[in-house]
Amino acid sequence: MKTQIQPLEYSHFPVMLSEIIQIIIPSKGGLFVDCTFGGGGYSKAILKFPKTKLISIDRDSTVMPAAKKLEKKFQDRFKFYQLKFSELKSITKDKADAIIFDLGLSSIQLNNLKRGFSFKSNDKLDMTMGLTDISAQEAINNLSEKQLKLIIKVLGEEKEASRIAKNIVIARSQKKITRVDELVQIIEKSKKKNFLSKINPCTKTFQALRIFVNKEISELIHGIINATEFLKPGGKIIVISFHSIEDKIVKYFFSNFSKNKSKPSRYLPEDNKNNIELFEKYINKVIKPSKSEILENNPSRSAKLRFATRSNSSFIYPYDLIKKFNKYLDIEAVNV
């Protein structure tokens, strides 16, 4: 048991922790929400400040032992729920001072080879983060070639998606694909050799499948909308993303629903009906990890932090955000 718990508590590095603490100022107290408990890095740091109350959520059941230990230690100030982003509103009616999202795959999940996230694994093709309806194995063996191509091309931004999808279908017609290493062989066979690239040839396809299986884009969009309704005026919403699709969504949301949203033309009349001001003036600035943090935790190198401040305006549902990124939602909604 100790060997299983130890990596969970000590091998996870909370990305840009000091920057987040500077933004949310927990020394003043208040209610905070950590939407990706993981190894508990952000939660433990916030709870060090005695005036804080904290709610953490995570869809992954493997974090429960660490979360329960923290609940026992801070009975009056900390509560954990196993939930997805889209279920955020169910945890409390109180308004939060800050809500934090640390997106993507944690080092805990990646390093557990039995879960099938890593292309170094020889185990079952799974990739489920928790509270998930399907596995990567089910997706690979049941989706059509056209569907696989679309998932790999759009969600993974993989240029050679067509060849990969075609070879997956050929391989599964001979034998069901059940293990990670079997999929790795198919991808490596499908990709053109690029000796200058430092990125593993499987990276983008694995990213696409993981996003599809866990409906990560849908969860992000509904999660940040829920969080915005859940914030008190002046409260901060912080999102750390690790790939371009996530960052594109967050940037659009913060930029287009803030008080300083730019109009398409200065000659066009302002449409007050569509002028939803959920945030104060948004500064379009990306915060990235320091060189010292990257040296300590190399996976943090691709992290981008954006944050926005909730305005005093009443919450109006931002349907334009759904409309803008509906192509991703439609892909994730495909039935297996």
C-alpha atoms as a PDB file:
ATOM      1  CA  MET A   1       0.000   0.000   0.000  1.00  0.00           C
ATOM      2  CA  LYS A   2       2.788   2.459   0.883  1.00  0.00           C
ATOM      3  CA  THR A   3       4.442   2.071  -2.487  1.00  0.00           C
ATOM      4  CA  GLN A   4       1.168   3.027  -4.204  1.00  0.00           C
ATOM      5  CA  ILE A   5       0.431   6.074  -2.053  1.00  0.00           C
ATOM      6  CA  GLN A   6       3.950   7.480  -2.031  1.00  0.00           C
ATOM      7  CA  PRO A   7       4.091   8.422  -5.761  1.00  0.00           C
ATOM      8  CA  LEU A   8       0.671  10.051  -5.466  1.00  0.00           C
ATOM      9  CA  GLU A   9       1.773  12.325  -2.677  1.00  0.00           C
ATOM     10  CA  TYR A  10       5.366  13.052  -3.601  1.00  0.00           C
ATOM     11  CA  SER A  11       5.953  12.618  -7.353  1.00  0.00           C
ATOM     12  CA  HIS A  12       3.492  15.302  -8.469  1.00  0.00           C
ATOM     13  CA  PHE A  13       4.685  18.876  -9.034  1.00  0.00           C
ATOM     14  CA  PRO A  14       1.946  21.542  -8.916  1.00  0.00           C
ATOM     15  CA  VAL A  15       2.688  23.746 -11.929  1.00  0.00           C
ATOM     16  CA  MET A  16       3.335  27.469 -11.290  1.00  0.00           C
ATOM     17  CA  LEU A  17       2.254  27.190  -7.669  1.00  0.00           C
ATOM     18  CA  SER A  18       3.955  30.404  -6.526  1.00  0.00           C
ATOM     19  CA  GLU A  19       2.388  32.355  -9.399  1.00  0.00           C
ATOM     20  CA  ILE A  20      -1.074  31.054  -8.487  1.00  0.00           C
ATOM     21  CA  ILE A  21      -0.633  31.971  -4.812  1.00  0.00           C
ATOM     22  CA  GLN A  22       0.293  35.527  -5.872  1.00  0.00           C
ATOM     23  CA  ILE A  23      -2.862  35.772  -7.991  1.00  0.00           C
ATOM     24  CA  ILE A  24      -5.408  34.375  -5.510  1.00  0.00           C
ATOM     25  CA  ILE A  25      -3.859  35.834  -2.290  1.00  0.00           C
ATOM     26  CA  PRO A  26      -5.096  33.153   0.137  1.00  0.00           C
ATOM     27  CA  SER A  27      -3.577  35.060   3.080  1.00  0.00           C
ATOM     28  CA  LYS A  28      -6.716  37.246   2.970  1.00  0.00           C
ATOM     29  CA  GLY A  29      -8.898  34.178   3.457  1.00  0.00           C
ATOM     30  CA  GLY A  30     -11.990  33.150   1.535  1.00  0.00           C
ATOM     31  CA  LEU A  31     -13.457  30.175  -0.301  1.00  0.00           C
ATOM     32  CA  PHE A  32     -11.252  28.514  -2.938  1.00  0.00           C
ATOM     33  CA  VAL A  33     -11.931  25.677  -5.365  1.00  0.00           C
ATOM     34  CA  ASP A  34      -9.255  23.338  -6.729  1.00  0.00           C
ATOM     35  CA  CYS A  35     -10.816  21.623  -9.744  1.00  0.00           C
ATOM     36  CA  THR A  36      -8.003  19.106 -10.245  1.00  0.00           C
ATOM     37  CA  PHE A  37      -6.892  17.785  -6.870  1.00  0.00           C
ATOM     38  CA  GLY A  38      -4.334  15.346  -8.348  1.00  0.00           C
ATOM     39  CA  GLY A  39      -1.535  14.958  -5.836  1.00  0.00           C
ATOM     40  CA  GLY A  40      -3.000  17.735  -3.697  1.00  0.00           C
ATOM     41  CA  GLY A  41      -0.260  20.276  -4.380  1.00  0.00           C
ATOM     42  CA  TYR A  42      -2.473  23.346  -4.819  1.00  0.00           C
ATOM     43  CA  SER A  43      -4.877  22.249  -2.080  1.00  0.00           C
ATOM     44  CA  LYS A  44      -2.139  21.767   0.519  1.00  0.00           C
ATOM     45  CA  ALA A  45      -0.587  25.131  -0.319  1.00  0.00           C
ATOM     46  CA  ILE A  46      -3.914  26.972   0.048  1.00  0.00           C
ATOM     47  CA  LEU A  47      -4.751  25.223   3.330  1.00  0.00           C
ATOM     48  CA  LYS A  48      -1.506  26.497   4.856  1.00  0.00           C
ATOM     49  CA  PHE A  49      -3.304  29.831   5.178  1.00  0.00           C
ATOM     50  CA  PRO A  50      -5.562  29.554   8.257  1.00  0.00           C
ATOM     51  CA  LYS A  51      -8.380  31.836   7.029  1.00  0.00           C
ATOM     52  CA  THR A  52      -9.068  29.762   3.921  1.00  0.00           C
ATOM     53  CA  LYS A  53     -11.806  27.261   3.149  1.00  0.00           C
ATOM     54  CA  LEU A  54     -11.251  24.883   0.261  1.00  0.00           C
ATOM     55  CA  ILE A  55     -13.289  22.572  -1.920  1.00  0.00           C
ATOM     56  CA  SER A  56     -11.429  20.204  -4.257  1.00  0.00           C
ATOM     57  CA  ILE A  57     -12.772  17.996  -6.992  1.00  0.00           C
ATOM     58  CA  ASP A  58     -11.229  15.334  -9.215  1.00  0.00           C
ATOM     59  CA  ARG A  59     -12.775  12.742 -11.494  1.00  0.00           C
ATOM     60  CA  ASP A  60     -10.010  10.238 -10.704  1.00  0.00           C
ATOM     61  CA  SER A  61     -10.856   7.865  -7.841  1.00  0.00           C
ATOM     62  CA  THR A  62      -7.174   7.030  -7.225  1.00  0.00           C
ATOM     63  CA  VAL A  63      -6.684  10.422  -5.535  1.00  0.00           C
ATOM     64  CA  MET A  64      -9.231   9.553  -2.824  1.00  0.00           C
ATOM     65  CA  PRO A  65      -6.748   8.282  -0.163  1.00  0.00           C
ATOM     66  CA  ALA A  66      -4.720  11.509  -0.291  1.00  0.00           C
ATOM     67  CA  ALA A  67      -7.873  13.647  -0.353  1.00  0.00           C
ATOM     68  CA  LYS A  68      -9.438  11.809   2.596  1.00  0.00           C
ATOM     69  CA  LYS A  69      -6.232  12.233   4.592  1.00  0.00           C
ATOM     70  CA  LEU A  70      -6.427  15.974   3.993  1.00  0.00           C
ATOM     71  CA  GLU A  71     -10.132  16.021   4.920  1.00  0.00           C
ATOM     72  CA  LYS A  72      -9.306  14.381   8.231  1.00  0.00           C
ATOM     73  CA  LYS A  73      -6.585  16.929   8.954  1.00  0.00           C
ATOM     74  CA  PHE A  74      -8.687  19.973   7.986  1.00  0.00           C
ATOM     75  CA  GLN A  75     -12.197  18.848   8.892  1.00  0.00           C
ATOM     76  CA  ASP A  76     -13.654  22.351   9.172  1.00  0.00           C
ATOM     77  CA  ARG A  77     -11.908  23.822   6.138  1.00  0.00           C
ATOM     78  CA  PHE A  78     -11.599  21.172   3.433  1.00  0.00           C
ATOM     79  CA  LYS A  79     -14.038  19.017   1.464  1.00  0.00           C
ATOM     80  CA  PHE A  80     -13.374  16.701  -1.487  1.00  0.00           C
ATOM     81  CA  TYR A  81     -15.791  15.451  -4.145  1.00  0.00           C
ATOM     82  CA  GLN A  82     -15.198  12.984  -6.969  1.00  0.00           C
ATOM     83  CA  LEU A  83     -16.731  15.001  -9.780  1.00  0.00           C
ATOM     84  CA  LYS A  84     -16.056  16.241 -13.299  1.00  0.00           C
ATOM     85  CA  PHE A  85     -15.756  19.935 -14.254  1.00  0.00           C
ATOM     86  CA  SER A  86     -19.268  19.894 -15.711  1.00  0.00           C
ATOM     87  CA  GLU A  87     -20.651  18.980 -12.271  1.00  0.00           C
ATOM     88  CA  LEU A  88     -18.945  21.871 -10.480  1.00  0.00           C
ATOM     89  CA  LYS A  89     -22.133  23.727  -9.553  1.00  0.00           C
ATOM     90  CA  SER A  90     -23.396  20.848  -7.419  1.00  0.00           C
ATOM     91  CA  ILE A  91     -20.809  21.281  -4.640  1.00  0.00           C
ATOM     92  CA  THR A  92     -22.037  24.429  -2.839  1.00  0.00           C
ATOM     93  CA  LYS A  93     -24.259  27.494  -3.137  1.00  0.00           C
ATOM     94  CA  ASP A  94     -21.570  29.808  -1.737  1.00  0.00           C
ATOM     95  CA  LYS A  95     -19.639  32.030  -4.127  1.00  0.00           C
ATOM     96  CA  ALA A  96     -15.902  31.394  -4.483  1.00  0.00           C
ATOM     97  CA  ASP A  97     -12.976  33.816  -4.286  1.00  0.00           C
ATOM     98  CA  ALA A  98     -10.892  31.804  -6.768  1.00  0.00           C
ATOM     99  CA  ILE A  99     -11.260  28.674  -8.888  1.00  0.00           C
ATOM    100  CA  ILE A 100      -8.254  26.830 -10.323  1.00  0.00           C
ATOM    101  CA  PHE A 101      -8.139  24.449 -13.288  1.00  0.00           C
ATOM    102  CA  ASP A 102      -4.950  22.483 -14.006  1.00  0.00           C
ATOM    103  CA  LEU A 103      -5.816  20.726 -17.250  1.00  0.00           C
ATOM    104  CA  GLY A 104      -4.566  17.661 -19.058  1.00  0.00           C
ATOM    105  CA  LEU A 105      -2.799  14.567 -17.816  1.00  0.00           C
ATOM    106  CA  SER A 106      -1.081  14.490 -14.433  1.00  0.00           C
ATOM    107  CA  SER A 107       2.309  12.871 -13.886  1.00  0.00           C
ATOM    108  CA  ILE A 108       0.571  10.464 -11.501  1.00  0.00           C
ATOM    109  CA  GLN A 109      -1.716   9.203 -14.260  1.00  0.00           C
ATOM    110  CA  LEU A 110       1.033   9.103 -16.890  1.00  0.00           C
ATOM    111  CA  ASN A 111       3.504   7.195 -14.713  1.00  0.00           C
ATOM    112  CA  ASN A 112       0.996   4.479 -13.870  1.00  0.00           C
ATOM    113  CA  LEU A 113       1.636   2.321 -16.939  1.00  0.00           C
ATOM    114  CA  LYS A 114      -1.358   0.087 -16.202  1.00  0.00           C
ATOM    115  CA  ARG A 115      -3.681   2.959 -17.093  1.00  0.00           C
ATOM    116  CA  GLY A 116      -2.459   3.052 -20.683  1.00  0.00           C
ATOM    117  CA  PHE A 117      -1.740   6.780 -21.017  1.00  0.00           C
ATOM    118  CA  SER A 118       1.950   6.313 -21.765  1.00  0.00           C
ATOM    119  CA  PHE A 119       3.220   4.886 -25.040  1.00  0.00           C
ATOM    120  CA  LYS A 120       5.902   3.154 -22.934  1.00  0.00           C
ATOM    121  CA  SER A 121       3.244   0.815 -21.565  1.00  0.00           C
ATOM    122  CA  ASN A 122       2.606  -2.806 -22.563  1.00  0.00           C
ATOM    123  CA  ASP A 123      -0.659  -2.914 -20.639  1.00  0.00           C
ATOM    124  CA  LYS A 124      -4.309  -2.605 -21.617  1.00  0.00           C
ATOM    125  CA  LEU A 125      -5.307   0.270 -23.879  1.00  0.00           C
ATOM    126  CA  ASP A 126      -7.442   2.261 -21.438  1.00  0.00           C
ATOM    127  CA  MET A 127      -6.752   6.031 -20.996  1.00  0.00           C
ATOM    128  CA  THR A 128      -9.774   6.654 -18.744  1.00  0.00           C
ATOM    129  CA  MET A 129      -9.380   9.409 -16.157  1.00  0.00           C
ATOM    130  CA  GLY A 130     -12.429   8.379 -14.161  1.00  0.00           C
ATOM    131  CA  LEU A 131     -16.201   8.874 -14.483  1.00  0.00           C
ATOM    132  CA  THR A 132     -15.696   7.926 -18.115  1.00  0.00           C
ATOM    133  CA  ASP A 133     -18.142   6.021 -20.336  1.00  0.00           C
ATOM    134  CA  ILE A 134     -15.689   4.411 -22.777  1.00  0.00           C
ATOM    135  CA  SER A 135     -12.049   3.334 -23.007  1.00  0.00           C
ATOM    136  CA  ALA A 136      -9.472   3.941 -25.709  1.00  0.00           C
ATOM    137  CA  GLN A 137      -9.681   0.244 -26.565  1.00  0.00           C
ATOM    138  CA  GLU A 138     -13.408   0.545 -27.296  1.00  0.00           C
ATOM    139  CA  ALA A 139     -12.844   3.660 -29.402  1.00  0.00           C
ATOM    140  CA  ILE A 140     -10.018   2.126 -31.439  1.00  0.00           C
ATOM    141  CA  ASN A 141     -11.915  -1.073 -32.198  1.00  0.00           C
ATOM    142  CA  ASN A 142     -15.400   0.316 -32.841  1.00  0.00           C
ATOM    143  CA  LEU A 143     -15.177   3.715 -34.487  1.00  0.00           C
ATOM    144  CA  SER A 144     -15.205   3.971 -38.271  1.00  0.00           C
ATOM    145  CA  GLU A 145     -12.078   4.926 -40.201  1.00  0.00           C
ATOM    146  CA  LYS A 146     -13.640   8.323 -40.964  1.00  0.00           C
ATOM    147  CA  GLN A 147     -14.389   8.955 -37.282  1.00  0.00           C
ATOM    148  CA  LEU A 148     -10.908   7.891 -36.174  1.00  0.00           C
ATOM    149  CA  LYS A 149      -9.327  10.142 -38.777  1.00  0.00           C
ATOM    150  CA  LEU A 150     -11.377  13.134 -37.597  1.00  0.00           C
ATOM    151  CA  ILE A 151     -10.557  12.528 -33.927  1.00  0.00           C
ATOM    152  CA  ILE A 152      -6.822  12.118 -34.561  1.00  0.00           C
ATOM    153  CA  LYS A 153      -6.636  15.039 -37.001  1.00  0.00           C
ATOM    154  CA  VAL A 154      -8.690  17.586 -35.059  1.00  0.00           C
ATOM    155  CA  LEU A 155      -8.156  16.679 -31.393  1.00  0.00           C
ATOM    156  CA  GLY A 156      -4.537  15.591 -31.881  1.00  0.00           C
ATOM    157  CA  GLU A 157      -3.649  18.062 -34.651  1.00  0.00           C
ATOM    158  CA  GLU A 158      -1.950  15.123 -36.382  1.00  0.00           C
ATOM    159  CA  LYS A 159      -1.145  15.725 -40.079  1.00  0.00           C
ATOM    160  CA  GLU A 160      -0.812  12.015 -40.836  1.00  0.00           C
ATOM    161  CA  ALA A 161      -4.179  11.110 -39.294  1.00  0.00           C
ATOM    162  CA  SER A 162      -5.516   9.557 -42.492  1.00  0.00           C
ATOM    163  CA  ARG A 163      -2.763   6.940 -42.744  1.00  0.00           C
ATOM    164  CA  ILE A 164      -2.901   6.171 -39.019  1.00  0.00           C
ATOM    165  CA  ALA A 165      -6.684   5.665 -39.055  1.00  0.00           C
ATOM    166  CA  LYS A 166      -6.469   3.460 -42.145  1.00  0.00           C
ATOM    167  CA  ASN A 167      -3.802   1.232 -40.596  1.00  0.00           C
ATOM    168  CA  ILE A 168      -5.745   0.942 -37.340  1.00  0.00           C
ATOM    169  CA  VAL A 169      -8.758  -0.377 -39.243  1.00  0.00           C
ATOM    170  CA  ILE A 170      -6.590  -2.824 -41.216  1.00  0.00           C
ATOM    171  CA  ALA A 171      -4.914  -4.108 -38.042  1.00  0.00           C
ATOM    172  CA  ARG A 172      -8.140  -4.569 -36.081  1.00  0.00           C
ATOM    173  CA  SER A 173      -9.736  -6.506 -38.950  1.00  0.00           C
ATOM    174  CA  GLN A 174      -7.091  -9.177 -38.354  1.00  0.00           C
ATOM    175  CA  LYS A 175      -6.995  -9.027 -34.541  1.00  0.00           C
ATOM    176  CA  LYS A 176      -8.630  -6.851 -31.897  1.00  0.00           C
ATOM    177  CA  ILE A 177      -6.270  -4.122 -30.657  1.00  0.00           C
ATOM    178  CA  THR A 178      -6.127  -4.441 -26.874  1.00  0.00           C
ATOM    179  CA  ARG A 179      -2.679  -3.253 -25.703  1.00  0.00           C
ATOM    180  CA  VAL A 180      -0.812   0.026 -25.829  1.00  0.00           C
ATOM    181  CA  ASP A 181       2.259  -1.423 -27.538  1.00  0.00           C
ATOM    182  CA  GLU A 182       0.069  -2.775 -30.369  1.00  0.00           C
ATOM    183  CA  LEU A 183      -1.248   0.716 -31.082  1.00  0.00           C
ATOM    184  CA  VAL A 184       2.272   2.151 -30.828  1.00  0.00           C
ATOM    185  CA  GLN A 185       3.471  -0.235 -33.557  1.00  0.00           C
ATOM    186  CA  ILE A 186       0.609   0.793 -35.842  1.00  0.00           C
ATOM    187  CA  ILE A 187       1.314   4.507 -35.374  1.00  0.00           C
ATOM    188  CA  GLU A 188       5.069   4.117 -35.881  1.00  0.00           C
ATOM    189  CA  LYS A 189       4.405   2.138 -39.048  1.00  0.00           C
ATOM    190  CA  SER A 190       2.067   4.871 -40.298  1.00  0.00           C
ATOM    191  CA  LYS A 191       4.256   7.903 -39.606  1.00  0.00           C
ATOM    192  CA  LYS A 192       6.967   9.188 -41.883  1.00  0.00           C
ATOM    193  CA  LYS A 193      10.403   9.171 -40.268  1.00  0.00           C
ATOM    194  CA  ASN A 194      11.393  12.563 -38.922  1.00  0.00           C
ATOM    195  CA  PHE A 195      14.790  12.312 -37.313  1.00  0.00           C
ATOM    196  CA  LEU A 196      14.841  16.032 -36.412  1.00  0.00           C
ATOM    197  CA  SER A 197      11.679  15.887 -34.326  1.00  0.00           C
ATOM    198  CA  LYS A 198      12.086  15.525 -30.566  1.00  0.00           C
ATOM    199  CA  ILE A 199       8.406  14.590 -30.164  1.00  0.00           C
ATOM    200  CA  ASN A 200       7.520  10.904 -29.976  1.00  0.00           C
ATOM    201  CA  PRO A 201       5.562   9.921 -33.120  1.00  0.00           C
ATOM    202  CA  CYS A 202       2.703   8.605 -30.934  1.00  0.00           C
ATOM    203  CA  THR A 203       2.215  11.791 -28.926  1.00  0.00           C
ATOM    204  CA  LYS A 204      -0.500  13.467 -30.996  1.00  0.00           C
ATOM    205  CA  THR A 205      -2.562  10.322 -31.583  1.00  0.00           C
ATOM    206  CA  PHE A 206      -2.442   9.439 -27.887  1.00  0.00           C
ATOM    207  CA  GLN A 207      -3.458  12.999 -27.022  1.00  0.00           C
ATOM    208  CA  ALA A 208      -6.409  12.799 -29.414  1.00  0.00           C
ATOM    209  CA  LEU A 209      -7.659   9.487 -28.035  1.00  0.00           C
ATOM    210  CA  ARG A 210      -7.285  10.625 -24.431  1.00  0.00           C
ATOM    211  CA  ILE A 211      -9.196  13.837 -25.101  1.00  0.00           C
ATOM    212  CA  PHE A 212     -11.959  11.947 -26.928  1.00  0.00           C
ATOM    213  CA  VAL A 213     -12.332   9.200 -24.333  1.00  0.00           C
ATOM    214  CA  ASN A 214     -12.530  11.643 -21.427  1.00  0.00           C
ATOM    215  CA  LYS A 215     -14.488  14.361 -23.291  1.00  0.00           C
ATOM    216  CA  GLU A 216     -11.885  16.850 -22.142  1.00  0.00           C
ATOM    217  CA  ILE A 217     -12.930  19.733 -24.413  1.00  0.00           C
ATOM    218  CA  SER A 218     -16.582  19.428 -23.387  1.00  0.00           C
ATOM    219  CA  GLU A 219     -15.585  19.279 -19.726  1.00  0.00           C
ATOM    220  CA  LEU A 220     -13.327  22.330 -20.083  1.00  0.00           C
ATOM    221  CA  ILE A 221     -15.979  24.463 -21.794  1.00  0.00           C
ATOM    222  CA  HIS A 222     -18.776  23.557 -19.382  1.00  0.00           C
ATOM    223  CA  GLY A 223     -16.360  23.740 -16.446  1.00  0.00           C
ATOM    224  CA  ILE A 224     -15.180  27.307 -17.062  1.00  0.00           C
ATOM    225  CA  ILE A 225     -18.756  28.447 -17.698  1.00  0.00           C
ATOM    226  CA  ASN A 226     -19.880  26.865 -14.409  1.00  0.00           C
ATOM    227  CA  ALA A 227     -16.906  28.357 -12.596  1.00  0.00           C
ATOM    228  CA  THR A 228     -17.732  31.846 -13.842  1.00  0.00           C
ATOM    229  CA  GLU A 229     -21.289  31.613 -12.513  1.00  0.00           C
ATOM    230  CA  PHE A 230     -19.863  30.261  -9.254  1.00  0.00           C
ATOM    231  CA  LEU A 231     -17.395  33.164  -8.711  1.00  0.00           C
ATOM    232  CA  LYS A 232     -18.107  36.212  -6.561  1.00  0.00           C
ATOM    233  CA  PRO A 233     -17.434  39.669  -8.095  1.00  0.00           C
ATOM    234  CA  GLY A 234     -13.687  40.233  -8.057  1.00  0.00           C
ATOM    235  CA  GLY A 235     -13.055  36.482  -7.855  1.00  0.00           C
ATOM    236  CA  LYS A 236     -10.350  34.916 -10.006  1.00  0.00           C
ATOM    237  CA  ILE A 237     -10.656  32.048 -12.477  1.00  0.00           C
ATOM    238  CA  ILE A 238      -7.286  30.499 -13.330  1.00  0.00           C
ATOM    239  CA  VAL A 239      -6.629  27.949 -16.067  1.00  0.00           C
ATOM    240  CA  ILE A 240      -3.351  26.150 -16.749  1.00  0.00           C
ATOM    241  CA  SER A 241      -3.434  24.480 -20.163  1.00  0.00           C
ATOM    242  CA  PHE A 242      -0.947  22.259 -21.974  1.00  0.00           C
ATOM    243  CA  HIS A 243      -1.963  22.252 -25.627  1.00  0.00           C
ATOM    244  CA  SER A 244      -3.186  24.744 -28.199  1.00  0.00           C
ATOM    245  CA  ILE A 245      -6.872  23.735 -28.312  1.00  0.00           C
ATOM    246  CA  GLU A 246      -7.305  24.268 -24.579  1.00  0.00           C
ATOM    247  CA  ASP A 247      -5.464  27.589 -24.636  1.00  0.00           C
ATOM    248  CA  LYS A 248      -7.460  28.779 -27.655  1.00  0.00           C
ATOM    249  CA  ILE A 249     -10.738  28.120 -25.805  1.00  0.00           C
ATOM    250  CA  VAL A 250      -9.624  29.832 -22.598  1.00  0.00           C
ATOM    251  CA  LYS A 251      -8.215  32.843 -24.451  1.00  0.00           C
ATOM    252  CA  TYR A 252     -11.426  33.281 -26.453  1.00  0.00           C
ATOM    253  CA  PHE A 253     -13.602  32.986 -23.350  1.00  0.00           C
ATOM    254  CA  PHE A 254     -11.648  35.515 -21.293  1.00  0.00           C
ATOM    255  CA  SER A 255     -11.168  37.950 -24.201  1.00  0.00           C
ATOM    256  CA  ASN A 256     -14.670  37.917 -25.685  1.00  0.00           C
ATOM    257  CA  PHE A 257     -16.680  38.070 -22.482  1.00  0.00           C
ATOM    258  CA  SER A 258     -14.774  40.868 -20.758  1.00  0.00           C
ATOM    259  CA  LYS A 259     -15.442  44.602 -20.454  1.00  0.00           C
ATOM    260  CA  ASN A 260     -12.737  45.482 -22.952  1.00  0.00           C
ATOM    261  CA  LYS A 261     -13.959  43.156 -25.712  1.00  0.00           C
ATOM    262  CA  SER A 262     -13.141  44.819 -29.027  1.00  0.00           C
ATOM    263  CA  LYS A 263     -15.882  45.354 -31.601  1.00  0.00           C
ATOM    264  CA  PRO A 264     -15.298  44.130 -35.199  1.00  0.00           C
ATOM    265  CA  SER A 265     -15.405  47.740 -36.434  1.00  0.00           C
ATOM    266  CA  ARG A 266     -15.652  51.115 -34.723  1.00  0.00           C
ATOM    267  CA  TYR A 267     -18.354  52.052 -37.257  1.00  0.00           C
ATOM    268  CA  LEU A 268     -20.667  49.246 -36.141  1.00  0.00           C
ATOM    269  CA  PRO A 269     -23.233  49.960 -33.421  1.00  0.00           C
ATOM    270  CA  GLU A 270     -22.700  48.239 -30.096  1.00  0.00           C
ATOM    271  CA  ASP A 271     -25.175  45.415 -29.571  1.00  0.00           C
ATOM    272  CA  ASN A 272     -25.919  45.523 -25.877  1.00  0.00           C
ATOM    273  CA  LYS A 273     -27.899  42.302 -26.061  1.00  0.00           C
ATOM    274  CA  ASN A 274     -24.810  40.378 -27.092  1.00  0.00           C
ATOM    275  CA  ASN A 275     -22.353  42.354 -24.982  1.00  0.00           C
ATOM    276  CA  ILE A 276     -21.885  39.902 -22.117  1.00  0.00           C
ATOM    277  CA  GLU A 277     -19.370  41.277 -19.618  1.00  0.00           C
ATOM    278  CA  LEU A 278     -18.564  38.368 -17.321  1.00  0.00           C
ATOM    279  CA  PHE A 279     -15.030  39.616 -16.597  1.00  0.00           C
ATOM    280  CA  GLU A 280     -13.244  42.844 -15.817  1.00  0.00           C
ATOM    281  CA  LYS A 281     -10.879  44.186 -18.451  1.00  0.00           C
ATOM    282  CA  TYR A 282      -8.861  41.173 -19.569  1.00  0.00           C
ATOM    283  CA  ILE A 283      -5.123  41.494 -20.070  1.00  0.00           C
ATOM    284  CA  ASN A 284      -4.193  39.034 -22.806  1.00  0.00           C
ATOM    285  CA  LYS A 285      -1.038  37.814 -21.128  1.00  0.00           C
ATOM    286  CA  VAL A 286       0.211  34.235 -20.878  1.00  0.00           C
ATOM    287  CA  ILE A 287       2.239  33.304 -17.807  1.00  0.00           C
ATOM    288  CA  LYS A 288       4.762  30.508 -18.313  1.00  0.00           C
ATOM    289  CA  PRO A 289       6.894  28.489 -15.876  1.00  0.00           C
ATOM    290  CA  SER A 290      10.260  29.877 -14.842  1.00  0.00           C
ATOM    291  CA  LYS A 291      13.474  28.288 -16.079  1.00  0.00           C
ATOM    292  CA  SER A 292      14.151  26.899 -12.613  1.00  0.00           C
ATOM    293  CA  GLU A 293      10.718  25.246 -12.479  1.00  0.00           C
ATOM    294  CA  ILE A 294      11.221  23.660 -15.896  1.00  0.00           C
ATOM    295  CA  LEU A 295      14.580  22.279 -14.738  1.00  0.00           C
ATOM    296  CA  GLU A 296      12.880  20.730 -11.708  1.00  0.00           C
ATOM    297  CA  ASN A 297       9.765  19.551 -13.569  1.00  0.00           C
ATOM    298  CA  ASN A 298      10.380  19.266 -17.305  1.00  0.00           C
ATOM    299  CA  PRO A 299       6.734  18.464 -18.313  1.00  0.00           C
ATOM    300  CA  SER A 300       5.774  21.954 -17.112  1.00  0.00           C
ATOM    301  CA  ARG A 301       7.598  23.486 -20.090  1.00  0.00           C
ATOM    302  CA  SER A 302       4.440  23.468 -22.236  1.00  0.00           C
ATOM    303  CA  ALA A 303       2.175  24.946 -19.549  1.00  0.00           C
ATOM    304  CA  LYS A 304       0.358  28.250 -20.107  1.00  0.00           C
ATOM    305  CA  LEU A 305      -1.456  30.083 -17.330  1.00  0.00           C
ATOM    306  CA  ARG A 306      -4.262  32.561 -17.994  1.00  0.00           C
ATOM    307  CA  PHE A 307      -6.543  34.183 -15.449  1.00  0.00           C
ATOM    308  CA  ALA A 308      -9.501  36.552 -15.456  1.00  0.00           C
ATOM    309  CA  THR A 309     -11.380  38.522 -12.799  1.00  0.00           C
ATOM    310  CA  ARG A 310     -15.150  38.204 -12.416  1.00  0.00           C
ATOM    311  CA  SER A 311     -17.055  41.433 -13.004  1.00  0.00           C
ATOM    312  CA  ASN A 312     -20.055  42.781 -11.085  1.00  0.00           C
ATOM    313  CA  SER A 313     -22.339  41.997 -14.034  1.00  0.00           C
ATOM    314  CA  SER A 314     -25.065  39.395 -13.649  1.00  0.00           C
ATOM    315  CA  PHE A 315     -24.265  35.985 -15.082  1.00  0.00           C
ATOM    316  CA  ILE A 316     -25.578  35.464 -18.609  1.00  0.00           C
ATOM    317  CA  TYR A 317     -24.892  32.125 -20.243  1.00  0.00           C
ATOM    318  CA  PRO A 318     -22.181  32.566 -22.939  1.00  0.00           C
ATOM    319  CA  TYR A 319     -23.779  30.554 -25.744  1.00  0.00           C
ATOM    320  CA  ASP A 320     -21.307  32.032 -28.232  1.00  0.00           C
ATOM    321  CA  LEU A 321     -18.531  30.027 -26.549  1.00  0.00           C
ATOM    322  CA  ILE A 322     -20.417  26.793 -27.305  1.00  0.00           C
ATOM    323  CA  LYS A 323     -21.095  27.941 -30.860  1.00  0.00           C
ATOM    324  CA  LYS A 324     -17.475  28.942 -31.468  1.00  0.00           C
ATOM    325  CA  PHE A 325     -16.039  25.535 -30.492  1.00  0.00           C
ATOM    326  CA  ASN A 326     -18.969  23.342 -31.428  1.00  0.00           C
ATOM    327  CA  LYS A 327     -16.883  21.261 -33.855  1.00  0.00           C
ATOM    328  CA  TYR A 328     -14.918  19.833 -30.920  1.00  0.00           C
ATOM    329  CA  LEU A 329     -18.090  19.135 -28.959  1.00  0.00           C
ATOM    330  CA  ASP A 330     -19.601  17.331 -31.945  1.00  0.00           C
ATOM    331  CA  ILE A 331     -16.524  15.117 -32.303  1.00  0.00           C
ATOM    332  CA  GLU A 332     -16.571  14.199 -28.612  1.00  0.00           C
ATOM    333  CA  ALA A 333     -20.288  13.423 -28.819  1.00  0.00           C
ATOM    334  CA  VAL A 334     -19.762  10.599 -31.350  1.00  0.00           C
ATOM    335  CA  ASN A 335     -21.225   7.326 -30.073  1.00  0.00           C
ATOM    336  CA  VAL A 336     -18.945   4.296 -29.839  1.00  0.00           C
END
